[in-house]
Amino acid sequence: QVHLVESGGGLVQAGGSLRLSCAGSGSVFSMNIMGWYRQAPGKQRELVVGISRGGTTNYADSVKGRFTISSDNNKNTVYLQMNSLKPEDTAVYYCSTGKNWGLPDYWGQGTQVTVSS
């Protein structure tokens, strides 16, 4: 079993920055991929970015050049640095982890990010 806890969401003006954190506990060592998804009201949950234990990353086109994922494998923690935020980035952001790309096995509870124009 894996438990994920996100933190760092909030309200920010367009052009601003936020940093999200996700701390994993439990059998995180058995997972290969950690990442962030988001879900805006009325929309499907979508991948923001994923990172493998080896450091390979996969970013959504909409966030490339603005968002950066990093990880501390010793702490089972991933971070999402979000810069140049836009109102369309407003969503609930979920941390995830899984054994394979694009197939999360576990989810965090989500953290709200709101970008005002």
C-alpha atoms as a PDB file:
ATOM      1  CA  GLN A   1       0.000   0.000   0.000  1.00  0.00           C
ATOM      2  CA  VAL A   2       1.155   3.515  -0.822  1.00  0.00           C
ATOM      3  CA  HIS A   3       0.033   6.781   0.712  1.00  0.00           C
ATOM      4  CA  LEU A   4       0.603  10.118  -1.035  1.00  0.00           C
ATOM      5  CA  VAL A   5       0.177  13.537   0.536  1.00  0.00           C
ATOM      6  CA  GLU A   6       0.272  16.730  -1.522  1.00  0.00           C
ATOM      7  CA  SER A   7       0.899  20.236  -0.275  1.00  0.00           C
ATOM      8  CA  GLY A   8       1.590  23.679  -1.677  1.00  0.00           C
ATOM      9  CA  GLY A   9      -1.537  24.596  -3.585  1.00  0.00           C
ATOM     10  CA  GLY A  10      -3.222  27.950  -3.297  1.00  0.00           C
ATOM     11  CA  LEU A  11      -4.330  31.121  -5.032  1.00  0.00           C
ATOM     12  CA  VAL A  12      -1.925  33.058  -7.219  1.00  0.00           C
ATOM     13  CA  GLN A  13      -2.171  35.777  -9.824  1.00  0.00           C
ATOM     14  CA  ALA A  14      -1.462  35.073 -13.463  1.00  0.00           C
ATOM     15  CA  GLY A  15       2.265  35.112 -14.095  1.00  0.00           C
ATOM     16  CA  GLY A  16       3.019  33.977 -10.578  1.00  0.00           C
ATOM     17  CA  SER A  17       4.580  30.781  -9.254  1.00  0.00           C
ATOM     18  CA  LEU A  18       3.707  27.940  -6.937  1.00  0.00           C
ATOM     19  CA  ARG A  19       5.562  24.856  -5.771  1.00  0.00           C
ATOM     20  CA  LEU A  20       3.728  21.641  -5.048  1.00  0.00           C
ATOM     21  CA  SER A  21       5.157  18.799  -2.997  1.00  0.00           C
ATOM     22  CA  CYS A  22       4.119  15.173  -2.764  1.00  0.00           C
ATOM     23  CA  ALA A  23       5.429  12.912  -0.038  1.00  0.00           C
ATOM     24  CA  GLY A  24       5.017   9.187  -0.434  1.00  0.00           C
ATOM     25  CA  SER A  25       5.005   6.534   2.251  1.00  0.00           C
ATOM     26  CA  GLY A  26       4.474   2.807   2.365  1.00  0.00           C
ATOM     27  CA  SER A  27       5.615   0.590  -0.494  1.00  0.00           C
ATOM     28  CA  VAL A  28       6.741   3.488  -2.687  1.00  0.00           C
ATOM     29  CA  PHE A  29       9.962   1.593  -3.419  1.00  0.00           C
ATOM     30  CA  SER A  30       7.955  -0.801  -5.604  1.00  0.00           C
ATOM     31  CA  MET A  31       6.752   2.038  -7.852  1.00  0.00           C
ATOM     32  CA  ASN A  32       8.741   3.253 -10.858  1.00  0.00           C
ATOM     33  CA  ILE A  33       6.893   6.400 -11.855  1.00  0.00           C
ATOM     34  CA  MET A  34       5.673   9.418  -9.932  1.00  0.00           C
ATOM     35  CA  GLY A  35       3.809  12.270 -11.438  1.00  0.00           C
ATOM     36  CA  TRP A  36       1.223  14.992 -11.381  1.00  0.00           C
ATOM     37  CA  TYR A  37      -2.191  15.065 -12.979  1.00  0.00           C
ATOM     38  CA  ARG A  38      -4.782  17.817 -12.866  1.00  0.00           C
ATOM     39  CA  GLN A  39      -8.510  18.089 -13.259  1.00  0.00           C
ATOM     40  CA  ALA A  40     -10.322  21.310 -14.017  1.00  0.00           C
ATOM     41  CA  PRO A  41     -14.079  21.674 -13.436  1.00  0.00           C
ATOM     42  CA  GLY A  42     -16.031  19.859 -16.115  1.00  0.00           C
ATOM     43  CA  LYS A  43     -12.929  18.352 -17.676  1.00  0.00           C
ATOM     44  CA  GLN A  44     -11.206  14.997 -17.574  1.00  0.00           C
ATOM     45  CA  ARG A  45      -8.153  14.418 -15.441  1.00  0.00           C
ATOM     46  CA  GLU A  46      -5.034  14.960 -17.537  1.00  0.00           C
ATOM     47  CA  LEU A  47      -1.338  14.260 -17.183  1.00  0.00           C
ATOM     48  CA  VAL A  48       0.796  17.259 -16.293  1.00  0.00           C
ATOM     49  CA  VAL A  49       4.154  15.559 -15.940  1.00  0.00           C
ATOM     50  CA  GLY A  50       5.677  12.263 -14.878  1.00  0.00           C
ATOM     51  CA  ILE A  51       9.145  11.271 -13.755  1.00  0.00           C
ATOM     52  CA  SER A  52      10.787   7.873 -13.522  1.00  0.00           C
ATOM     53  CA  ARG A  53      13.202   6.744 -10.847  1.00  0.00           C
ATOM     54  CA  GLY A  54      15.945   7.143 -13.424  1.00  0.00           C
ATOM     55  CA  GLY A  55      14.976  10.766 -14.011  1.00  0.00           C
ATOM     56  CA  THR A  56      13.208  10.450 -17.346  1.00  0.00           C
ATOM     57  CA  THR A  57      10.431  13.019 -17.615  1.00  0.00           C
ATOM     58  CA  ASN A  58       7.303  13.368 -19.712  1.00  0.00           C
ATOM     59  CA  TYR A  59       5.634  16.788 -19.811  1.00  0.00           C
ATOM     60  CA  ALA A  60       2.314  17.796 -21.269  1.00  0.00           C
ATOM     61  CA  ASP A  61       2.824  20.251 -24.124  1.00  0.00           C
ATOM     62  CA  SER A  62       0.731  22.848 -22.306  1.00  0.00           C
ATOM     63  CA  VAL A  63       3.225  23.129 -19.437  1.00  0.00           C
ATOM     64  CA  LYS A  64       6.574  22.640 -21.180  1.00  0.00           C
ATOM     65  CA  GLY A  65       8.966  25.450 -20.377  1.00  0.00           C
ATOM     66  CA  ARG A  66       6.854  26.631 -17.433  1.00  0.00           C
ATOM     67  CA  PHE A  67       6.634  23.657 -15.072  1.00  0.00           C
ATOM     68  CA  THR A  68       9.508  21.590 -13.716  1.00  0.00           C
ATOM     69  CA  ILE A  69       9.291  18.289 -11.888  1.00  0.00           C
ATOM     70  CA  SER A  70      12.012  17.087  -9.563  1.00  0.00           C
ATOM     71  CA  SER A  71      12.336  14.233  -7.142  1.00  0.00           C
ATOM     72  CA  ASP A  72      14.172  13.179  -4.042  1.00  0.00           C
ATOM     73  CA  ASN A  73      14.185   9.395  -4.135  1.00  0.00           C
ATOM     74  CA  ASN A  74      15.655   9.157  -0.649  1.00  0.00           C
ATOM     75  CA  LYS A  75      12.643  11.027   0.707  1.00  0.00           C
ATOM     76  CA  ASN A  76      10.126   9.489  -1.726  1.00  0.00           C
ATOM     77  CA  THR A  77       9.092  13.032  -2.553  1.00  0.00           C
ATOM     78  CA  VAL A  78       8.396  14.791  -5.826  1.00  0.00           C
ATOM     79  CA  TYR A  79       8.080  18.494  -6.413  1.00  0.00           C
ATOM     80  CA  LEU A  80       6.350  20.504  -9.100  1.00  0.00           C
ATOM     81  CA  GLN A  81       7.646  24.002  -9.653  1.00  0.00           C
ATOM     82  CA  MET A  82       5.055  25.961 -11.594  1.00  0.00           C
ATOM     83  CA  ASN A  83       6.090  29.283 -13.121  1.00  0.00           C
ATOM     84  CA  SER A  84       4.328  31.732 -15.414  1.00  0.00           C
ATOM     85  CA  LEU A  85       0.989  30.400 -14.275  1.00  0.00           C
ATOM     86  CA  LYS A  86      -2.064  31.026 -16.405  1.00  0.00           C
ATOM     87  CA  PRO A  87      -5.766  31.025 -15.498  1.00  0.00           C
ATOM     88  CA  GLU A  88      -6.144  27.841 -17.544  1.00  0.00           C
ATOM     89  CA  ASP A  89      -3.803  26.098 -15.101  1.00  0.00           C
ATOM     90  CA  THR A  90      -6.539  26.341 -12.494  1.00  0.00           C
ATOM     91  CA  ALA A  91      -7.403  22.818 -11.373  1.00  0.00           C
ATOM     92  CA  VAL A  92      -7.104  20.274  -8.618  1.00  0.00           C
ATOM     93  CA  TYR A  93      -3.627  18.799  -8.876  1.00  0.00           C
ATOM     94  CA  TYR A  94      -3.168  15.159  -7.956  1.00  0.00           C
ATOM     95  CA  CYS A  95       0.047  13.351  -7.176  1.00  0.00           C
ATOM     96  CA  SER A  96       0.263   9.816  -8.481  1.00  0.00           C
ATOM     97  CA  THR A  97       2.567   6.844  -8.522  1.00  0.00           C
ATOM     98  CA  GLY A  98       2.626   3.597 -10.402  1.00  0.00           C
ATOM     99  CA  LYS A  99       4.746   0.864 -11.922  1.00  0.00           C
ATOM    100  CA  ASN A 100       4.221   1.906 -15.531  1.00  0.00           C
ATOM    101  CA  TRP A 101       3.940   5.134 -17.500  1.00  0.00           C
ATOM    102  CA  GLY A 102       0.415   6.429 -17.786  1.00  0.00           C
ATOM    103  CA  LEU A 103      -1.056   3.850 -15.413  1.00  0.00           C
ATOM    104  CA  PRO A 104      -1.135   5.271 -11.881  1.00  0.00           C
ATOM    105  CA  ASP A 105      -1.750   2.764  -9.130  1.00  0.00           C
ATOM    106  CA  TYR A 106      -2.154   5.264  -6.318  1.00  0.00           C
ATOM    107  CA  TRP A 107      -3.396   8.821  -5.989  1.00  0.00           C
ATOM    108  CA  GLY A 108      -3.084  11.610  -3.472  1.00  0.00           C
ATOM    109  CA  GLN A 109      -6.077  13.522  -2.200  1.00  0.00           C
ATOM    110  CA  GLY A 110      -5.432  16.497  -4.465  1.00  0.00           C
ATOM    111  CA  THR A 111      -4.559  20.123  -3.886  1.00  0.00           C
ATOM    112  CA  GLN A 112      -6.357  23.107  -5.387  1.00  0.00           C
ATOM    113  CA  VAL A 113      -4.444  25.543  -7.568  1.00  0.00           C
ATOM    114  CA  THR A 114      -6.300  28.680  -8.583  1.00  0.00           C
ATOM    115  CA  VAL A 115      -4.799  31.255 -10.928  1.00  0.00           C
ATOM    116  CA  SER A 116      -6.589  34.572 -11.113  1.00  0.00           C
ATOM    117  CA  SER A 117      -6.447  36.810 -14.176  1.00  0.00           C
END
